[in-house]
């Protein structure tokens, strides 16, 4: 809730954005998946 609210209130610029630094402080109790081809790891692999 904190992450999504922060991304919408203070991070919104065309899309609701959040930084990795903010995720570090709010990672407890969360599972993270690298997502689709739009995910950072997957996208970098796609671009070799």
ModelCIF file with pLDDT and N, C-alpha, C, O atoms, coordinates in Angstrom:
data_MODEL
#
_entry.id   MODEL 
#
_entity.id                         1 
_entity.type                       polymer 
_entity.pdbx_number_of_molecules   1 
#
_entity_poly.entity_id                      1 
_entity_poly.type                           'polypeptide(L)' 
_entity_poly.nstd_linkage                   no 
_entity_poly.nstd_monomer                   no 
_entity_poly.pdbx_seq_one_letter_code       
;(UNK)(UNK)(UNK)(UNK)(UNK)(UNK)(UNK)(UNK)(UNK)(UNK)(UNK)(UNK)(UNK)(UNK)(UNK)(UNK)
(UNK)(UNK)(UNK)(UNK)(UNK)(UNK)(UNK)(UNK)(UNK)(UNK)(UNK)(UNK)(UNK)(UNK)(UNK)(UNK)
(UNK)(UNK)(UNK)(UNK)(UNK)(UNK)(UNK)(UNK)(UNK)(UNK)(UNK)(UNK)(UNK)(UNK)(UNK)(UNK)
;
_entity_poly.pdbx_seq_one_letter_code_can   XXXXXXXXXXXXXXXXXXXXXXXXXXXXXXXXXXXXXXXXXXXXXXXX 
_entity_poly.pdbx_strand_id                 A 
#
loop_
_entity_poly_seq.entity_id 
_entity_poly_seq.num 
_entity_poly_seq.mon_id 
_entity_poly_seq.hetero 
1 1  UNK n 
1 2  UNK n 
1 3  UNK n 
1 4  UNK n 
1 5  UNK n 
1 6  UNK n 
1 7  UNK n 
1 8  UNK n 
1 9  UNK n 
1 10 UNK n 
1 11 UNK n 
1 12 UNK n 
1 13 UNK n 
1 14 UNK n 
1 15 UNK n 
1 16 UNK n 
1 17 UNK n 
1 18 UNK n 
1 19 UNK n 
1 20 UNK n 
1 21 UNK n 
1 22 UNK n 
1 23 UNK n 
1 24 UNK n 
1 25 UNK n 
1 26 UNK n 
1 27 UNK n 
1 28 UNK n 
1 29 UNK n 
1 30 UNK n 
1 31 UNK n 
1 32 UNK n 
1 33 UNK n 
1 34 UNK n 
1 35 UNK n 
1 36 UNK n 
1 37 UNK n 
1 38 UNK n 
1 39 UNK n 
1 40 UNK n 
1 41 UNK n 
1 42 UNK n 
1 43 UNK n 
1 44 UNK n 
1 45 UNK n 
1 46 UNK n 
1 47 UNK n 
1 48 UNK n 
#
_struct_asym.id          A 
_struct_asym.entity_id   1 
#
loop_
_ma_qa_metric.id 
_ma_qa_metric.mode 
_ma_qa_metric.name 
_ma_qa_metric.software_group_id 
_ma_qa_metric.type 
1 global pLDDT . pLDDT 
2 local  pLDDT . pLDDT 
#
_ma_qa_metric_global.metric_id      1 
_ma_qa_metric_global.metric_value   96.96 
_ma_qa_metric_global.model_id       1 
_ma_qa_metric_global.ordinal_id     1 
#
loop_
_ma_qa_metric_local.label_asym_id 
_ma_qa_metric_local.label_comp_id 
_ma_qa_metric_local.label_seq_id 
_ma_qa_metric_local.metric_id 
_ma_qa_metric_local.metric_value 
_ma_qa_metric_local.model_id 
_ma_qa_metric_local.ordinal_id 
A UNK 1  2 98.00 1 1  
A UNK 2  2 98.00 1 2  
A UNK 3  2 98.00 1 3  
A UNK 4  2 98.00 1 4  
A UNK 5  2 97.00 1 5  
A UNK 6  2 98.00 1 6  
A UNK 7  2 97.00 1 7  
A UNK 8  2 96.00 1 8  
A UNK 9  2 95.00 1 9  
A UNK 10 2 96.00 1 10 
A UNK 11 2 96.00 1 11 
A UNK 12 2 95.00 1 12 
A UNK 13 2 95.00 1 13 
A UNK 14 2 94.00 1 14 
A UNK 15 2 95.00 1 15 
A UNK 16 2 97.00 1 16 
A UNK 17 2 97.00 1 17 
A UNK 18 2 98.00 1 18 
A UNK 19 2 97.00 1 19 
A UNK 20 2 97.00 1 20 
A UNK 21 2 96.00 1 21 
A UNK 22 2 98.00 1 22 
A UNK 23 2 98.00 1 23 
A UNK 24 2 96.00 1 24 
A UNK 25 2 94.00 1 25 
A UNK 26 2 97.00 1 26 
A UNK 27 2 98.00 1 27 
A UNK 28 2 98.00 1 28 
A UNK 29 2 98.00 1 29 
A UNK 30 2 98.00 1 30 
A UNK 31 2 98.00 1 31 
A UNK 32 2 98.00 1 32 
A UNK 33 2 98.00 1 33 
A UNK 34 2 98.00 1 34 
A UNK 35 2 97.00 1 35 
A UNK 36 2 96.00 1 36 
A UNK 37 2 96.00 1 37 
A UNK 38 2 97.00 1 38 
A UNK 39 2 98.00 1 39 
A UNK 40 2 98.00 1 40 
A UNK 41 2 98.00 1 41 
A UNK 42 2 97.00 1 42 
A UNK 43 2 97.00 1 43 
A UNK 44 2 98.00 1 44 
A UNK 45 2 97.00 1 45 
A UNK 46 2 97.00 1 46 
A UNK 47 2 97.00 1 47 
A UNK 48 2 96.00 1 48 
#
loop_
_atom_site.group_PDB 
_atom_site.id 
_atom_site.type_symbol 
_atom_site.label_atom_id 
_atom_site.label_alt_id 
_atom_site.label_comp_id 
_atom_site.label_asym_id 
_atom_site.label_entity_id 
_atom_site.label_seq_id 
_atom_site.pdbx_PDB_ins_code 
_atom_site.Cartn_x 
_atom_site.Cartn_y 
_atom_site.Cartn_z 
_atom_site.occupancy 
_atom_site.B_iso_or_equiv 
_atom_site.pdbx_formal_charge 
_atom_site.auth_seq_id 
_atom_site.auth_comp_id 
_atom_site.auth_asym_id 
_atom_site.auth_atom_id 
_atom_site.pdbx_PDB_model_num 
ATOM 1   N N  . UNK A 1 1  ? 0.839  -1.202  0.000   1.00 98.00 ? 1  UNK A N  1 
ATOM 2   C CA . UNK A 1 1  ? 0.000  0.000   0.000   1.00 98.00 ? 1  UNK A CA 1 
ATOM 3   C C  . UNK A 1 1  ? 0.873  1.249   0.000   1.00 98.00 ? 1  UNK A C  1 
ATOM 4   O O  . UNK A 1 1  ? 0.618  2.193   -0.748  1.00 98.00 ? 1  UNK A O  1 
ATOM 5   N N  . UNK A 1 2  ? 1.906  1.249   0.844   1.00 98.00 ? 2  UNK A N  1 
ATOM 6   C CA . UNK A 1 2  ? 2.816  2.402   0.928   1.00 98.00 ? 2  UNK A CA 1 
ATOM 7   C C  . UNK A 1 2  ? 3.514  2.645   -0.405  1.00 98.00 ? 2  UNK A C  1 
ATOM 8   O O  . UNK A 1 2  ? 3.603  3.782   -0.869  1.00 98.00 ? 2  UNK A O  1 
ATOM 9   N N  . UNK A 1 3  ? 4.008  1.569   -1.020  1.00 98.00 ? 3  UNK A N  1 
ATOM 10  C CA . UNK A 1 3  ? 4.741  1.682   -2.284  1.00 98.00 ? 3  UNK A CA 1 
ATOM 11  C C  . UNK A 1 3  ? 3.843  2.229   -3.386  1.00 98.00 ? 3  UNK A C  1 
ATOM 12  O O  . UNK A 1 3  ? 4.224  3.151   -4.107  1.00 98.00 ? 3  UNK A O  1 
ATOM 13  N N  . UNK A 1 4  ? 2.647  1.655   -3.512  1.00 98.00 ? 4  UNK A N  1 
ATOM 14  C CA . UNK A 1 4  ? 1.729  2.082   -4.570  1.00 98.00 ? 4  UNK A CA 1 
ATOM 15  C C  . UNK A 1 4  ? 1.254  3.513   -4.331  1.00 98.00 ? 4  UNK A C  1 
ATOM 16  O O  . UNK A 1 4  ? 1.158  4.303   -5.270  1.00 98.00 ? 4  UNK A O  1 
ATOM 17  N N  . UNK A 1 5  ? 0.956  3.846   -3.072  1.00 97.00 ? 5  UNK A N  1 
ATOM 18  C CA . UNK A 1 5  ? 0.526  5.213   -2.746  1.00 97.00 ? 5  UNK A CA 1 
ATOM 19  C C  . UNK A 1 5  ? 1.638  6.219   -3.036  1.00 97.00 ? 5  UNK A C  1 
ATOM 20  O O  . UNK A 1 5  ? 1.387  7.278   -3.612  1.00 97.00 ? 5  UNK A O  1 
ATOM 21  N N  . UNK A 1 6  ? 2.857  5.888   -2.639  1.00 98.00 ? 6  UNK A N  1 
ATOM 22  C CA . UNK A 1 6  ? 3.990  6.782   -2.887  1.00 98.00 ? 6  UNK A CA 1 
ATOM 23  C C  . UNK A 1 6  ? 4.197  6.977   -4.383  1.00 98.00 ? 6  UNK A C  1 
ATOM 24  O O  . UNK A 1 6  ? 4.464  8.092   -4.832  1.00 98.00 ? 6  UNK A O  1 
ATOM 25  N N  . UNK A 1 7  ? 4.076  5.902   -5.156  1.00 97.00 ? 7  UNK A N  1 
ATOM 26  C CA . UNK A 1 7  ? 4.283  6.006   -6.609  1.00 97.00 ? 7  UNK A CA 1 
ATOM 27  C C  . UNK A 1 7  ? 3.225  6.887   -7.258  1.00 97.00 ? 7  UNK A C  1 
ATOM 28  O O  . UNK A 1 7  ? 3.508  7.588   -8.230  1.00 97.00 ? 7  UNK A O  1 
ATOM 29  N N  . UNK A 1 8  ? 2.007  6.852   -6.725  1.00 96.00 ? 8  UNK A N  1 
ATOM 30  C CA . UNK A 1 8  ? 0.912  7.648   -7.295  1.00 96.00 ? 8  UNK A CA 1 
ATOM 31  C C  . UNK A 1 8  ? 0.937  9.099   -6.827  1.00 96.00 ? 8  UNK A C  1 
ATOM 32  O O  . UNK A 1 8  ? 0.603  10.006  -7.590  1.00 96.00 ? 8  UNK A O  1 
ATOM 33  N N  . UNK A 1 9  ? 1.331  9.318   -5.577  1.00 95.00 ? 9  UNK A N  1 
ATOM 34  C CA . UNK A 1 9  ? 1.266  10.670  -5.008  1.00 95.00 ? 9  UNK A CA 1 
ATOM 35  C C  . UNK A 1 9  ? 2.527  11.482  -5.321  1.00 95.00 ? 9  UNK A C  1 
ATOM 36  O O  . UNK A 1 9  ? 2.447  12.600  -5.832  1.00 95.00 ? 9  UNK A O  1 
ATOM 37  N N  . UNK A 1 10 ? 3.677  10.910  -5.012  1.00 96.00 ? 10 UNK A N  1 
ATOM 38  C CA . UNK A 1 10 ? 4.933  11.657  -5.192  1.00 96.00 ? 10 UNK A CA 1 
ATOM 39  C C  . UNK A 1 10 ? 5.748  11.217  -6.401  1.00 96.00 ? 10 UNK A C  1 
ATOM 40  O O  . UNK A 1 10 ? 6.664  11.922  -6.827  1.00 96.00 ? 10 UNK A O  1 
ATOM 41  N N  . UNK A 1 11 ? 5.416  10.048  -6.957  1.00 96.00 ? 11 UNK A N  1 
ATOM 42  C CA . UNK A 1 11 ? 6.212  9.547   -8.081  1.00 96.00 ? 11 UNK A CA 1 
ATOM 43  C C  . UNK A 1 11 ? 5.540  9.649   -9.427  1.00 96.00 ? 11 UNK A C  1 
ATOM 44  O O  . UNK A 1 11 ? 6.128  9.282   -10.444 1.00 96.00 ? 11 UNK A O  1 
ATOM 45  N N  . UNK A 1 12 ? 4.309  10.146  -9.453  1.00 95.00 ? 12 UNK A N  1 
ATOM 46  C CA . UNK A 1 12 ? 3.569  10.109  -10.720 1.00 95.00 ? 12 UNK A CA 1 
ATOM 47  C C  . UNK A 1 12 ? 4.137  11.110  -11.727 1.00 95.00 ? 12 UNK A C  1 
ATOM 48  O O  . UNK A 1 12 ? 4.179  12.315  -11.480 1.00 95.00 ? 12 UNK A O  1 
ATOM 49  N N  . UNK A 1 13 ? 4.570  10.576  -12.860 1.00 95.00 ? 13 UNK A N  1 
ATOM 50  C CA . UNK A 1 13 ? 5.000  11.385  -13.993 1.00 95.00 ? 13 UNK A CA 1 
ATOM 51  C C  . UNK A 1 13 ? 4.714  10.545  -15.236 1.00 95.00 ? 13 UNK A C  1 
ATOM 52  O O  . UNK A 1 13 ? 5.532  9.715   -15.631 1.00 95.00 ? 13 UNK A O  1 
ATOM 53  N N  . UNK A 1 14 ? 3.565  10.760  -15.845 1.00 94.00 ? 14 UNK A N  1 
ATOM 54  C CA . UNK A 1 14 ? 3.012  9.931   -16.909 1.00 94.00 ? 14 UNK A CA 1 
ATOM 55  C C  . UNK A 1 14 ? 2.535  8.574   -16.368 1.00 94.00 ? 14 UNK A C  1 
ATOM 56  O O  . UNK A 1 14 ? 1.456  8.112   -16.738 1.00 94.00 ? 14 UNK A O  1 
ATOM 57  N N  . UNK A 1 15 ? 3.312  7.947   -15.516 1.00 95.00 ? 15 UNK A N  1 
ATOM 58  C CA . UNK A 1 15 ? 2.949  6.696   -14.855 1.00 95.00 ? 15 UNK A CA 1 
ATOM 59  C C  . UNK A 1 15 ? 3.294  6.825   -13.367 1.00 95.00 ? 15 UNK A C  1 
ATOM 60  O O  . UNK A 1 15 ? 4.116  7.662   -12.994 1.00 95.00 ? 15 UNK A O  1 
ATOM 61  N N  . UNK A 1 16 ? 2.672  6.004   -12.518 1.00 97.00 ? 16 UNK A N  1 
ATOM 62  C CA . UNK A 1 16 ? 3.056  6.002   -11.094 1.00 97.00 ? 16 UNK A CA 1 
ATOM 63  C C  . UNK A 1 16 ? 4.379  5.263   -10.904 1.00 97.00 ? 16 UNK A C  1 
ATOM 64  O O  . UNK A 1 16 ? 4.431  4.042   -11.053 1.00 97.00 ? 16 UNK A O  1 
ATOM 65  N N  . UNK A 1 17 ? 5.442  5.985   -10.579 1.00 97.00 ? 17 UNK A N  1 
ATOM 66  C CA . UNK A 1 17 ? 6.796  5.417   -10.549 1.00 97.00 ? 17 UNK A CA 1 
ATOM 67  C C  . UNK A 1 17 ? 7.308  5.288   -9.110  1.00 97.00 ? 17 UNK A C  1 
ATOM 68  O O  . UNK A 1 17 ? 6.905  6.031   -8.215  1.00 97.00 ? 17 UNK A O  1 
ATOM 69  N N  . UNK A 1 18 ? 8.208  4.319   -8.924  1.00 98.00 ? 18 UNK A N  1 
ATOM 70  C CA . UNK A 1 18 ? 8.837  4.144   -7.614  1.00 98.00 ? 18 UNK A CA 1 
ATOM 71  C C  . UNK A 1 18 ? 10.317 3.813   -7.821  1.00 98.00 ? 18 UNK A C  1 
ATOM 72  O O  . UNK A 1 18 ? 10.675 3.143   -8.790  1.00 98.00 ? 18 UNK A O  1 
ATOM 73  N N  . UNK A 1 19 ? 11.163 4.274   -6.924  1.00 97.00 ? 19 UNK A N  1 
ATOM 74  C CA . UNK A 1 19 ? 12.607 4.030   -7.051  1.00 97.00 ? 19 UNK A CA 1 
ATOM 75  C C  . UNK A 1 19 ? 13.010 2.758   -6.314  1.00 97.00 ? 19 UNK A C  1 
ATOM 76  O O  . UNK A 1 19 ? 12.300 2.295   -5.421  1.00 97.00 ? 19 UNK A O  1 
ATOM 77  N N  . UNK A 1 20 ? 14.142 2.205   -6.691  1.00 97.00 ? 20 UNK A N  1 
ATOM 78  C CA . UNK A 1 20 ? 14.673 1.038   -5.984  1.00 97.00 ? 20 UNK A CA 1 
ATOM 79  C C  . UNK A 1 20 ? 15.038 1.390   -4.547  1.00 97.00 ? 20 UNK A C  1 
ATOM 80  O O  . UNK A 1 20 ? 14.912 0.566   -3.641  1.00 97.00 ? 20 UNK A O  1 
ATOM 81  N N  . UNK A 1 21 ? 15.491 2.624   -4.354  1.00 96.00 ? 21 UNK A N  1 
ATOM 82  C CA . UNK A 1 21 ? 15.848 3.051   -2.998  1.00 96.00 ? 21 UNK A CA 1 
ATOM 83  C C  . UNK A 1 21 ? 14.638 2.985   -2.077  1.00 96.00 ? 21 UNK A C  1 
ATOM 84  O O  . UNK A 1 21 ? 14.753 2.578   -0.921  1.00 96.00 ? 21 UNK A O  1 
ATOM 85  N N  . UNK A 1 22 ? 13.484 3.385   -2.587  1.00 98.00 ? 22 UNK A N  1 
ATOM 86  C CA . UNK A 1 22 ? 12.269 3.325   -1.764  1.00 98.00 ? 22 UNK A CA 1 
ATOM 87  C C  . UNK A 1 22 ? 11.882 1.873   -1.503  1.00 98.00 ? 22 UNK A C  1 
ATOM 88  O O  . UNK A 1 22 ? 11.427 1.536   -0.409  1.00 98.00 ? 22 UNK A O  1 
ATOM 89  N N  . UNK A 1 23 ? 12.061 1.010   -2.506  1.00 98.00 ? 23 UNK A N  1 
ATOM 90  C CA . UNK A 1 23 ? 11.738 -0.405  -2.336  1.00 98.00 ? 23 UNK A CA 1 
ATOM 91  C C  . UNK A 1 23 ? 12.572 -1.049  -1.232  1.00 98.00 ? 23 UNK A C  1 
ATOM 92  O O  . UNK A 1 23 ? 12.093 -1.933  -0.522  1.00 98.00 ? 23 UNK A O  1 
ATOM 93  N N  . UNK A 1 24 ? 13.812 -0.607  -1.089  1.00 96.00 ? 24 UNK A N  1 
ATOM 94  C CA . UNK A 1 24 ? 14.688 -1.182  -0.058  1.00 96.00 ? 24 UNK A CA 1 
ATOM 95  C C  . UNK A 1 24 ? 14.094 -1.043  1.332   1.00 96.00 ? 24 UNK A C  1 
ATOM 96  O O  . UNK A 1 24 ? 14.211 -1.947  2.160   1.00 96.00 ? 24 UNK A O  1 
ATOM 97  N N  . UNK A 1 25 ? 13.457 0.092   1.584   1.00 94.00 ? 25 UNK A N  1 
ATOM 98  C CA . UNK A 1 25 ? 12.895 0.354   2.909   1.00 94.00 ? 25 UNK A CA 1 
ATOM 99  C C  . UNK A 1 25 ? 11.520 -0.274  3.104   1.00 94.00 ? 25 UNK A C  1 
ATOM 100 O O  . UNK A 1 25 ? 10.993 -0.276  4.217   1.00 94.00 ? 25 UNK A O  1 
ATOM 101 N N  . UNK A 1 26 ? 10.932 -0.808  2.031   1.00 97.00 ? 26 UNK A N  1 
ATOM 102 C CA . UNK A 1 26 ? 9.570  -1.346  2.108   1.00 97.00 ? 26 UNK A CA 1 
ATOM 103 C C  . UNK A 1 26 ? 9.493  -2.772  1.560   1.00 97.00 ? 26 UNK A C  1 
ATOM 104 O O  . UNK A 1 26 ? 8.431  -3.195  1.103   1.00 97.00 ? 26 UNK A O  1 
ATOM 105 N N  . UNK A 1 27 ? 10.581 -3.507  1.596   1.00 98.00 ? 27 UNK A N  1 
ATOM 106 C CA . UNK A 1 27 ? 10.616 -4.827  0.967   1.00 98.00 ? 27 UNK A CA 1 
ATOM 107 C C  . UNK A 1 27 ? 10.126 -5.947  1.874   1.00 98.00 ? 27 UNK A C  1 
ATOM 108 O O  . UNK A 1 27 ? 9.825  -7.040  1.396   1.00 98.00 ? 27 UNK A O  1 
ATOM 109 N N  . UNK A 1 28 ? 10.043 -5.694  3.160   1.00 98.00 ? 28 UNK A N  1 
ATOM 110 C CA . UNK A 1 28 ? 9.670  -6.749  4.098   1.00 98.00 ? 28 UNK A CA 1 
ATOM 111 C C  . UNK A 1 28 ? 8.261  -7.260  3.802   1.00 98.00 ? 28 UNK A C  1 
ATOM 112 O O  . UNK A 1 28 ? 7.325  -6.483  3.614   1.00 98.00 ? 28 UNK A O  1 
ATOM 113 N N  . UNK A 1 29 ? 8.138  -8.577  3.766   1.00 98.00 ? 29 UNK A N  1 
ATOM 114 C CA . UNK A 1 29 ? 6.832  -9.184  3.541   1.00 98.00 ? 29 UNK A CA 1 
ATOM 115 C C  . UNK A 1 29 ? 6.408  -9.225  2.091   1.00 98.00 ? 29 UNK A C  1 
ATOM 116 O O  . UNK A 1 29 ? 5.240  -9.483  1.802   1.00 98.00 ? 29 UNK A O  1 
ATOM 117 N N  . UNK A 1 30 ? 7.330  -8.978  1.164   1.00 98.00 ? 30 UNK A N  1 
ATOM 118 C CA . UNK A 1 30 ? 6.983  -8.950  -0.264  1.00 98.00 ? 30 UNK A CA 1 
ATOM 119 C C  . UNK A 1 30 ? 7.776  -9.980  -1.056  1.00 98.00 ? 30 UNK A C  1 
ATOM 120 O O  . UNK A 1 30 ? 8.951  -10.227 -0.784  1.00 98.00 ? 30 UNK A O  1 
ATOM 121 N N  . UNK A 1 31 ? 7.114  -10.573 -2.034  1.00 98.00 ? 31 UNK A N  1 
ATOM 122 C CA . UNK A 1 31 ? 7.751  -11.398 -3.060  1.00 98.00 ? 31 UNK A CA 1 
ATOM 123 C C  . UNK A 1 31 ? 7.813  -10.553 -4.323  1.00 98.00 ? 31 UNK A C  1 
ATOM 124 O O  . UNK A 1 31 ? 6.844  -9.873  -4.661  1.00 98.00 ? 31 UNK A O  1 
ATOM 125 N N  . UNK A 1 32 ? 8.947  -10.589 -5.028  1.00 98.00 ? 32 UNK A N  1 
ATOM 126 C CA . UNK A 1 32 ? 9.109  -9.813  -6.257  1.00 98.00 ? 32 UNK A CA 1 
ATOM 127 C C  . UNK A 1 32 ? 9.378  -10.753 -7.429  1.00 98.00 ? 32 UNK A C  1 
ATOM 128 O O  . UNK A 1 32 ? 10.180 -11.681 -7.325  1.00 98.00 ? 32 UNK A O  1 
ATOM 129 N N  . UNK A 1 33 ? 8.694  -10.498 -8.545  1.00 98.00 ? 33 UNK A N  1 
ATOM 130 C CA . UNK A 1 33 ? 8.911  -11.238 -9.786  1.00 98.00 ? 33 UNK A CA 1 
ATOM 131 C C  . UNK A 1 33 ? 9.393  -10.269 -10.852 1.00 98.00 ? 33 UNK A C  1 
ATOM 132 O O  . UNK A 1 33 ? 8.955  -9.120  -10.900 1.00 98.00 ? 33 UNK A O  1 
ATOM 133 N N  . UNK A 1 34 ? 10.298 -10.735 -11.708 1.00 98.00 ? 34 UNK A N  1 
ATOM 134 C CA . UNK A 1 34 ? 10.968 -9.836  -12.657 1.00 98.00 ? 34 UNK A CA 1 
ATOM 135 C C  . UNK A 1 34 ? 10.076 -9.313  -13.773 1.00 98.00 ? 34 UNK A C  1 
ATOM 136 O O  . UNK A 1 34 ? 10.498 -8.463  -14.557 1.00 98.00 ? 34 UNK A O  1 
ATOM 137 N N  . UNK A 1 35 ? 8.838  -9.816  -13.851 1.00 97.00 ? 35 UNK A N  1 
ATOM 138 C CA . UNK A 1 35 ? 7.821  -9.316  -14.786 1.00 97.00 ? 35 UNK A CA 1 
ATOM 139 C C  . UNK A 1 35 ? 8.072  -9.761  -16.224 1.00 97.00 ? 35 UNK A C  1 
ATOM 140 O O  . UNK A 1 35 ? 8.792  -10.728 -16.476 1.00 97.00 ? 35 UNK A O  1 
ATOM 141 N N  . UNK A 1 36 ? 7.466  -9.037  -17.156 1.00 96.00 ? 36 UNK A N  1 
ATOM 142 C CA . UNK A 1 36 ? 7.452  -9.398  -18.580 1.00 96.00 ? 36 UNK A CA 1 
ATOM 143 C C  . UNK A 1 36 ? 8.683  -8.828  -19.281 1.00 96.00 ? 36 UNK A C  1 
ATOM 144 O O  . UNK A 1 36 ? 9.689  -8.529  -18.638 1.00 96.00 ? 36 UNK A O  1 
ATOM 145 N N  . UNK A 1 37 ? 8.596  -8.680  -20.592 1.00 96.00 ? 37 UNK A N  1 
ATOM 146 C CA . UNK A 1 37 ? 9.707  -8.074  -21.342 1.00 96.00 ? 37 UNK A CA 1 
ATOM 147 C C  . UNK A 1 37 ? 9.904  -6.617  -20.959 1.00 96.00 ? 37 UNK A C  1 
ATOM 148 O O  . UNK A 1 37 ? 10.925 -6.019  -21.301 1.00 96.00 ? 37 UNK A O  1 
ATOM 149 N N  . UNK A 1 38 ? 8.936  -6.040  -20.253 1.00 97.00 ? 38 UNK A N  1 
ATOM 150 C CA . UNK A 1 38 ? 9.081  -4.685  -19.749 1.00 97.00 ? 38 UNK A CA 1 
ATOM 151 C C  . UNK A 1 38 ? 9.796  -4.617  -18.416 1.00 97.00 ? 38 UNK A C  1 
ATOM 152 O O  . UNK A 1 38 ? 10.074 -3.526  -17.916 1.00 97.00 ? 38 UNK A O  1 
ATOM 153 N N  . UNK A 1 39 ? 10.101 -5.775  -17.827 1.00 98.00 ? 39 UNK A N  1 
ATOM 154 C CA . UNK A 1 39 ? 10.876 -5.813  -16.596 1.00 98.00 ? 39 UNK A CA 1 
ATOM 155 C C  . UNK A 1 39 ? 12.337 -5.508  -16.869 1.00 98.00 ? 39 UNK A C  1 
ATOM 156 O O  . UNK A 1 39 ? 12.823 -5.739  -17.976 1.00 98.00 ? 39 UNK A O  1 
ATOM 157 N N  . UNK A 1 40 ? 13.032 -4.996  -15.882 1.00 98.00 ? 40 UNK A N  1 
ATOM 158 C CA . UNK A 1 40 ? 14.408 -4.539  -16.110 1.00 98.00 ? 40 UNK A CA 1 
ATOM 159 C C  . UNK A 1 40 ? 15.335 -5.667  -16.552 1.00 98.00 ? 40 UNK A C  1 
ATOM 160 O O  . UNK A 1 40 ? 16.045 -5.531  -17.548 1.00 98.00 ? 40 UNK A O  1 
ATOM 161 N N  . UNK A 1 41 ? 15.334 -6.780  -15.819 1.00 98.00 ? 41 UNK A N  1 
ATOM 162 C CA . UNK A 1 41 ? 16.239 -7.891  -16.156 1.00 98.00 ? 41 UNK A CA 1 
ATOM 163 C C  . UNK A 1 41 ? 15.881 -8.443  -17.526 1.00 98.00 ? 41 UNK A C  1 
ATOM 164 O O  . UNK A 1 41 ? 16.747 -8.601  -18.386 1.00 98.00 ? 41 UNK A O  1 
ATOM 165 N N  . UNK A 1 42 ? 14.599 -8.735  -17.727 1.00 97.00 ? 42 UNK A N  1 
ATOM 166 C CA . UNK A 1 42 ? 14.153 -9.313  -19.003 1.00 97.00 ? 42 UNK A CA 1 
ATOM 167 C C  . UNK A 1 42 ? 14.453 -8.386  -20.175 1.00 97.00 ? 42 UNK A C  1 
ATOM 168 O O  . UNK A 1 42 ? 14.860 -8.842  -21.244 1.00 97.00 ? 42 UNK A O  1 
ATOM 169 N N  . UNK A 1 43 ? 14.255 -7.088  -19.976 1.00 97.00 ? 43 UNK A N  1 
ATOM 170 C CA . UNK A 1 43 ? 14.473 -6.123  -21.049 1.00 97.00 ? 43 UNK A CA 1 
ATOM 171 C C  . UNK A 1 43 ? 15.942 -6.004  -21.420 1.00 97.00 ? 43 UNK A C  1 
ATOM 172 O O  . UNK A 1 43 ? 16.289 -5.888  -22.595 1.00 97.00 ? 43 UNK A O  1 
ATOM 173 N N  . UNK A 1 44 ? 16.794 -6.031  -20.418 1.00 98.00 ? 44 UNK A N  1 
ATOM 174 C CA . UNK A 1 44 ? 18.238 -5.958  -20.684 1.00 98.00 ? 44 UNK A CA 1 
ATOM 175 C C  . UNK A 1 44 ? 18.737 -7.210  -21.405 1.00 98.00 ? 44 UNK A C  1 
ATOM 176 O O  . UNK A 1 44 ? 19.603 -7.134  -22.276 1.00 98.00 ? 44 UNK A O  1 
ATOM 177 N N  . UNK A 1 45 ? 18.179 -8.357  -21.030 1.00 97.00 ? 45 UNK A N  1 
ATOM 178 C CA . UNK A 1 45 ? 18.523 -9.596  -21.725 1.00 97.00 ? 45 UNK A CA 1 
ATOM 179 C C  . UNK A 1 45 ? 18.066 -9.514  -23.182 1.00 97.00 ? 45 UNK A C  1 
ATOM 180 O O  . UNK A 1 45 ? 18.798 -9.907  -24.090 1.00 97.00 ? 45 UNK A O  1 
ATOM 181 N N  . UNK A 1 46 ? 16.862 -9.007  -23.400 1.00 97.00 ? 46 UNK A N  1 
ATOM 182 C CA . UNK A 1 46 ? 16.316 -8.863  -24.753 1.00 97.00 ? 46 UNK A CA 1 
ATOM 183 C C  . UNK A 1 46 ? 17.227 -8.013  -25.626 1.00 97.00 ? 46 UNK A C  1 
ATOM 184 O O  . UNK A 1 46 ? 17.387 -8.276  -26.818 1.00 97.00 ? 46 UNK A O  1 
ATOM 185 N N  . UNK A 1 47 ? 17.820 -6.995  -25.021 1.00 97.00 ? 47 UNK A N  1 
ATOM 186 C CA . UNK A 1 47 ? 18.709 -6.101  -25.767 1.00 97.00 ? 47 UNK A CA 1 
ATOM 187 C C  . UNK A 1 47 ? 20.171 -6.537  -25.721 1.00 97.00 ? 47 UNK A C  1 
ATOM 188 O O  . UNK A 1 47 ? 21.079 -5.770  -26.040 1.00 97.00 ? 47 UNK A O  1 
ATOM 189 N N  . UNK A 1 48 ? 20.374 -7.799  -25.312 1.00 96.00 ? 48 UNK A N  1 
ATOM 190 C CA . UNK A 1 48 ? 21.707 -8.407  -25.302 1.00 96.00 ? 48 UNK A CA 1 
ATOM 191 C C  . UNK A 1 48 ? 22.699 -7.655  -24.410 1.00 96.00 ? 48 UNK A C  1 
ATOM 192 O O  . UNK A 1 48 ? 23.859 -8.053  -24.305 1.00 96.00 ? 48 UNK A O  1 
#
